[in-house]
Amino acid sequence: MSAVVLLASSVVTWLLRVGFIVIVPARRLPEGLRRVLDHAAVAALAALLATALTRESGPAWLLTPSPVLVAAVAAGLVAWRTGRMGLTVVVAVTVLWAAQLIM
């Protein structure tokens, strides 16, 4: 049952994405909306990270370091210094695994 629901929701999501791309191509969107959409992925990632950081410890997440916080700080530093997304992901995953083993 759950596999059928997962498959159906995946198909519906894919159809909505493809339908929007086909019906409204990027070149037909207003310039202001295109600028906003350029930041949508970064905003979504920041929201996911904030949720992961505050899920367990609540607002006092800075006082109780967690493996996710350590990996986020490492990833932030690598992204800021290098600007390379691939390297940032590799460092984040590696630091997260190491921090989970240590903590």
N, C-alpha and C. Protein backbone atom coordinates (compact mmCIF):
# COMPACT_ATOMS: atom_id res chain seq x y z
N MET A 1 0.82 -1.20 0.00
CA MET A 1 0.00 0.00 0.00
C MET A 1 0.86 1.26 0.00
N SER A 2 1.85 1.34 0.90
CA SER A 2 2.67 2.53 0.98
C SER A 2 3.52 2.71 -0.27
N ALA A 3 3.92 1.61 -0.90
CA ALA A 3 4.70 1.72 -2.14
C ALA A 3 3.85 2.32 -3.25
N VAL A 4 2.58 1.96 -3.28
CA VAL A 4 1.67 2.51 -4.29
C VAL A 4 1.46 4.01 -4.06
N VAL A 5 1.28 4.39 -2.81
CA VAL A 5 1.10 5.81 -2.48
C VAL A 5 2.36 6.59 -2.83
N LEU A 6 3.52 6.05 -2.51
CA LEU A 6 4.79 6.70 -2.83
C LEU A 6 4.95 6.86 -4.34
N LEU A 7 4.67 5.82 -5.09
CA LEU A 7 4.79 5.88 -6.53
C LEU A 7 3.80 6.88 -7.12
N ALA A 8 2.56 6.86 -6.64
CA ALA A 8 1.55 7.79 -7.16
C ALA A 8 1.92 9.24 -6.85
N SER A 9 2.39 9.50 -5.65
CA SER A 9 2.78 10.87 -5.31
C SER A 9 4.00 11.31 -6.11
N SER A 10 4.89 10.39 -6.39
CA SER A 10 6.06 10.73 -7.22
C SER A 10 5.65 11.09 -8.63
N VAL A 11 4.72 10.34 -9.18
CA VAL A 11 4.24 10.62 -10.54
C VAL A 11 3.52 11.97 -10.59
N VAL A 12 2.68 12.23 -9.60
CA VAL A 12 1.96 13.51 -9.57
C VAL A 12 2.95 14.68 -9.44
N THR A 13 3.94 14.54 -8.58
CA THR A 13 4.94 15.59 -8.42
C THR A 13 5.69 15.83 -9.72
N TRP A 14 6.10 14.76 -10.37
CA TRP A 14 6.83 14.88 -11.63
C TRP A 14 5.96 15.55 -12.69
N LEU A 15 4.69 15.15 -12.78
CA LEU A 15 3.79 15.76 -13.77
C LEU A 15 3.59 17.25 -13.51
N LEU A 16 3.48 17.63 -12.24
CA LEU A 16 3.34 19.05 -11.93
C LEU A 16 4.58 19.84 -12.33
N ARG A 17 5.74 19.29 -12.07
CA ARG A 17 6.98 19.98 -12.45
C ARG A 17 7.10 20.11 -13.96
N VAL A 18 6.91 19.00 -14.65
CA VAL A 18 7.04 19.03 -16.11
C VAL A 18 5.97 19.91 -16.72
N GLY A 19 4.76 19.81 -16.20
CA GLY A 19 3.68 20.64 -16.73
C GLY A 19 3.96 22.12 -16.58
N PHE A 20 4.48 22.52 -15.44
CA PHE A 20 4.79 23.93 -15.23
C PHE A 20 5.90 24.38 -16.16
N ILE A 21 6.91 23.54 -16.35
CA ILE A 21 8.03 23.91 -17.23
C ILE A 21 7.56 24.02 -18.68
N VAL A 22 6.67 23.12 -19.10
CA VAL A 22 6.20 23.14 -20.48
C VAL A 22 5.23 24.29 -20.71
N ILE A 23 4.33 24.52 -19.76
CA ILE A 23 3.32 25.56 -19.94
C ILE A 23 3.92 26.95 -19.80
N VAL A 24 4.79 27.14 -18.82
CA VAL A 24 5.38 28.46 -18.57
C VAL A 24 6.90 28.33 -18.62
N PRO A 25 7.51 28.43 -19.80
CA PRO A 25 8.97 28.36 -19.88
C PRO A 25 9.60 29.58 -19.20
N ALA A 26 10.83 29.43 -18.79
CA ALA A 26 11.53 30.47 -18.02
C ALA A 26 11.62 31.78 -18.80
N ARG A 27 11.74 31.73 -20.08
CA ARG A 27 11.90 32.97 -20.85
C ARG A 27 10.61 33.80 -20.87
N ARG A 28 9.47 33.18 -20.51
CA ARG A 28 8.20 33.92 -20.49
C ARG A 28 7.87 34.48 -19.11
N LEU A 29 8.66 34.13 -18.10
CA LEU A 29 8.42 34.64 -16.75
C LEU A 29 8.90 36.08 -16.64
N PRO A 30 8.23 36.89 -15.82
CA PRO A 30 8.72 38.25 -15.60
C PRO A 30 10.11 38.23 -14.96
N GLU A 31 10.89 39.25 -15.25
CA GLU A 31 12.28 39.32 -14.77
C GLU A 31 12.35 39.26 -13.25
N GLY A 32 11.45 39.95 -12.57
CA GLY A 32 11.45 39.95 -11.10
C GLY A 32 11.22 38.56 -10.54
N LEU A 33 10.31 37.81 -11.13
CA LEU A 33 10.05 36.45 -10.67
C LEU A 33 11.25 35.54 -10.93
N ARG A 34 11.91 35.74 -12.05
CA ARG A 34 13.11 34.92 -12.33
C ARG A 34 14.21 35.18 -11.32
N ARG A 35 14.37 36.45 -10.91
CA ARG A 35 15.39 36.77 -9.90
C ARG A 35 15.04 36.12 -8.56
N VAL A 36 13.77 36.13 -8.21
CA VAL A 36 13.33 35.51 -6.96
C VAL A 36 13.56 33.99 -7.02
N LEU A 37 13.22 33.37 -8.14
CA LEU A 37 13.38 31.92 -8.27
C LEU A 37 14.84 31.49 -8.22
N ASP A 38 15.75 32.39 -8.58
CA ASP A 38 17.17 32.06 -8.48
C ASP A 38 17.58 31.78 -7.03
N HIS A 39 16.87 32.36 -6.08
CA HIS A 39 17.20 32.20 -4.67
C HIS A 39 16.35 31.15 -3.97
N ALA A 40 15.41 30.54 -4.67
CA ALA A 40 14.50 29.58 -4.05
C ALA A 40 15.23 28.34 -3.53
N ALA A 41 16.18 27.83 -4.28
CA ALA A 41 16.90 26.63 -3.86
C ALA A 41 17.74 26.91 -2.61
N VAL A 42 18.38 28.05 -2.56
CA VAL A 42 19.19 28.41 -1.39
C VAL A 42 18.29 28.58 -0.16
N ALA A 43 17.15 29.20 -0.34
CA ALA A 43 16.21 29.39 0.77
C ALA A 43 15.67 28.06 1.27
N ALA A 44 15.36 27.15 0.36
CA ALA A 44 14.87 25.83 0.76
C ALA A 44 15.94 25.06 1.52
N LEU A 45 17.18 25.12 1.05
CA LEU A 45 18.27 24.44 1.73
C LEU A 45 18.50 25.03 3.13
N ALA A 46 18.43 26.34 3.24
CA ALA A 46 18.59 26.98 4.55
C ALA A 46 17.48 26.57 5.50
N ALA A 47 16.26 26.46 4.99
CA ALA A 47 15.14 26.03 5.84
C ALA A 47 15.33 24.60 6.31
N LEU A 48 15.79 23.72 5.42
CA LEU A 48 16.04 22.33 5.82
C LEU A 48 17.15 22.25 6.86
N LEU A 49 18.19 23.04 6.68
CA LEU A 49 19.31 23.04 7.62
C LEU A 49 18.87 23.58 8.98
N ALA A 50 18.10 24.65 8.98
CA ALA A 50 17.62 25.21 10.25
C ALA A 50 16.73 24.21 10.98
N THR A 51 15.91 23.49 10.24
CA THR A 51 15.06 22.47 10.85
C THR A 51 15.90 21.34 11.44
N ALA A 52 16.90 20.91 10.71
CA ALA A 52 17.76 19.82 11.20
C ALA A 52 18.54 20.25 12.43
N LEU A 53 18.96 21.50 12.48
CA LEU A 53 19.75 21.97 13.62
C LEU A 53 18.92 22.17 14.88
N THR A 54 17.68 22.60 14.73
CA THR A 54 16.87 22.93 15.90
C THR A 54 15.87 21.85 16.27
N ARG A 55 15.81 20.78 15.52
CA ARG A 55 14.81 19.74 15.77
C ARG A 55 14.98 19.09 17.13
N GLU A 56 16.19 18.74 17.50
CA GLU A 56 16.40 17.97 18.72
C GLU A 56 16.58 18.85 19.95
N SER A 57 17.28 19.95 19.82
CA SER A 57 17.63 20.72 21.01
C SER A 57 16.83 22.00 21.16
N GLY A 58 15.93 22.30 20.24
CA GLY A 58 15.14 23.51 20.35
C GLY A 58 15.98 24.75 20.11
N PRO A 59 15.61 25.87 20.73
CA PRO A 59 16.32 27.12 20.45
C PRO A 59 17.73 27.17 21.00
N ALA A 60 18.09 26.27 21.90
CA ALA A 60 19.43 26.30 22.50
C ALA A 60 20.42 25.45 21.70
N TRP A 61 20.27 25.39 20.38
CA TRP A 61 21.11 24.51 19.58
C TRP A 61 22.57 24.92 19.57
N LEU A 62 22.87 26.18 19.82
CA LEU A 62 24.28 26.59 19.86
C LEU A 62 24.97 26.13 21.14
N LEU A 63 24.21 25.91 22.19
CA LEU A 63 24.79 25.49 23.46
C LEU A 63 25.08 23.99 23.51
N THR A 64 24.44 23.23 22.67
CA THR A 64 24.63 21.78 22.64
C THR A 64 25.07 21.36 21.24
N PRO A 65 26.36 21.35 20.98
CA PRO A 65 26.83 21.00 19.64
C PRO A 65 26.40 19.58 19.27
N SER A 66 25.98 19.43 18.05
CA SER A 66 25.57 18.13 17.54
C SER A 66 26.38 17.83 16.29
N PRO A 67 26.39 16.59 15.84
CA PRO A 67 27.11 16.27 14.60
C PRO A 67 26.62 17.09 13.41
N VAL A 68 25.32 17.37 13.36
CA VAL A 68 24.79 18.16 12.25
C VAL A 68 25.33 19.58 12.30
N LEU A 69 25.42 20.17 13.50
CA LEU A 69 25.96 21.52 13.64
C LEU A 69 27.43 21.57 13.24
N VAL A 70 28.20 20.59 13.66
CA VAL A 70 29.63 20.55 13.30
C VAL A 70 29.78 20.44 11.78
N ALA A 71 28.99 19.57 11.16
CA ALA A 71 29.07 19.40 9.71
C ALA A 71 28.60 20.67 8.98
N ALA A 72 27.58 21.34 9.52
CA ALA A 72 27.09 22.56 8.89
C ALA A 72 28.13 23.67 8.94
N VAL A 73 28.81 23.79 10.06
CA VAL A 73 29.86 24.81 10.18
C VAL A 73 31.01 24.50 9.22
N ALA A 74 31.41 23.24 9.15
CA ALA A 74 32.49 22.85 8.24
C ALA A 74 32.09 23.11 6.79
N ALA A 75 30.85 22.74 6.43
CA ALA A 75 30.38 22.97 5.07
C ALA A 75 30.30 24.46 4.75
N GLY A 76 29.84 25.24 5.71
CA GLY A 76 29.77 26.68 5.50
C GLY A 76 31.13 27.30 5.25
N LEU A 77 32.12 26.87 6.03
CA LEU A 77 33.47 27.39 5.85
C LEU A 77 34.05 27.01 4.49
N VAL A 78 33.85 25.75 4.10
CA VAL A 78 34.38 25.31 2.80
C VAL A 78 33.68 26.04 1.66
N ALA A 79 32.36 26.19 1.76
CA ALA A 79 31.63 26.90 0.71
C ALA A 79 32.06 28.35 0.62
N TRP A 80 32.26 28.98 1.76
CA TRP A 80 32.65 30.38 1.78
C TRP A 80 34.06 30.57 1.20
N ARG A 81 34.98 29.67 1.56
CA ARG A 81 36.37 29.83 1.13
C ARG A 81 36.60 29.40 -0.32
N THR A 82 35.91 28.34 -0.76
CA THR A 82 36.20 27.81 -2.10
C THR A 82 35.11 28.10 -3.11
N GLY A 83 33.85 28.14 -2.67
CA GLY A 83 32.75 28.34 -3.61
C GLY A 83 32.46 27.13 -4.47
N ARG A 84 33.01 25.98 -4.12
CA ARG A 84 32.83 24.75 -4.90
C ARG A 84 31.80 23.85 -4.22
N MET A 85 30.68 23.63 -4.90
CA MET A 85 29.57 22.88 -4.32
C MET A 85 29.95 21.42 -4.07
N GLY A 86 30.61 20.79 -5.02
CA GLY A 86 30.99 19.38 -4.87
C GLY A 86 31.88 19.16 -3.66
N LEU A 87 32.89 19.99 -3.51
CA LEU A 87 33.79 19.88 -2.37
C LEU A 87 33.05 20.13 -1.07
N THR A 88 32.13 21.09 -1.09
CA THR A 88 31.35 21.40 0.11
C THR A 88 30.53 20.19 0.56
N VAL A 89 29.90 19.51 -0.38
CA VAL A 89 29.08 18.34 -0.04
C VAL A 89 29.96 17.22 0.50
N VAL A 90 31.09 16.97 -0.14
CA VAL A 90 31.98 15.90 0.30
C VAL A 90 32.49 16.19 1.72
N VAL A 91 32.88 17.42 1.98
CA VAL A 91 33.37 17.78 3.32
C VAL A 91 32.24 17.64 4.34
N ALA A 92 31.05 18.11 4.01
CA ALA A 92 29.93 18.03 4.94
C ALA A 92 29.60 16.60 5.31
N VAL A 93 29.53 15.73 4.33
CA VAL A 93 29.19 14.32 4.60
C VAL A 93 30.30 13.65 5.39
N THR A 94 31.54 13.91 5.03
CA THR A 94 32.67 13.31 5.74
C THR A 94 32.71 13.77 7.20
N VAL A 95 32.55 15.07 7.42
CA VAL A 95 32.57 15.61 8.79
C VAL A 95 31.38 15.08 9.58
N LEU A 96 30.22 14.97 8.95
CA LEU A 96 29.04 14.44 9.65
C LEU A 96 29.28 13.00 10.08
N TRP A 97 29.79 12.18 9.20
CA TRP A 97 30.08 10.78 9.56
C TRP A 97 31.09 10.71 10.70
N ALA A 98 32.16 11.49 10.59
CA ALA A 98 33.19 11.47 11.62
C ALA A 98 32.63 11.98 12.95
N ALA A 99 31.84 13.03 12.91
CA ALA A 99 31.28 13.58 14.15
C ALA A 99 30.29 12.61 14.79
N GLN A 100 29.55 11.87 13.98
CA GLN A 100 28.63 10.87 14.53
C GLN A 100 29.38 9.74 15.21
N LEU A 101 30.54 9.40 14.66
CA LEU A 101 31.34 8.35 15.29
C LEU A 101 31.95 8.82 16.61
N ILE A 102 32.35 10.07 16.66
CA ILE A 102 33.03 10.62 17.84
C ILE A 102 32.04 11.00 18.93
N MET A 103 30.93 11.64 18.56
CA MET A 103 30.00 12.18 19.58
C MET A 103 29.06 11.12 20.09
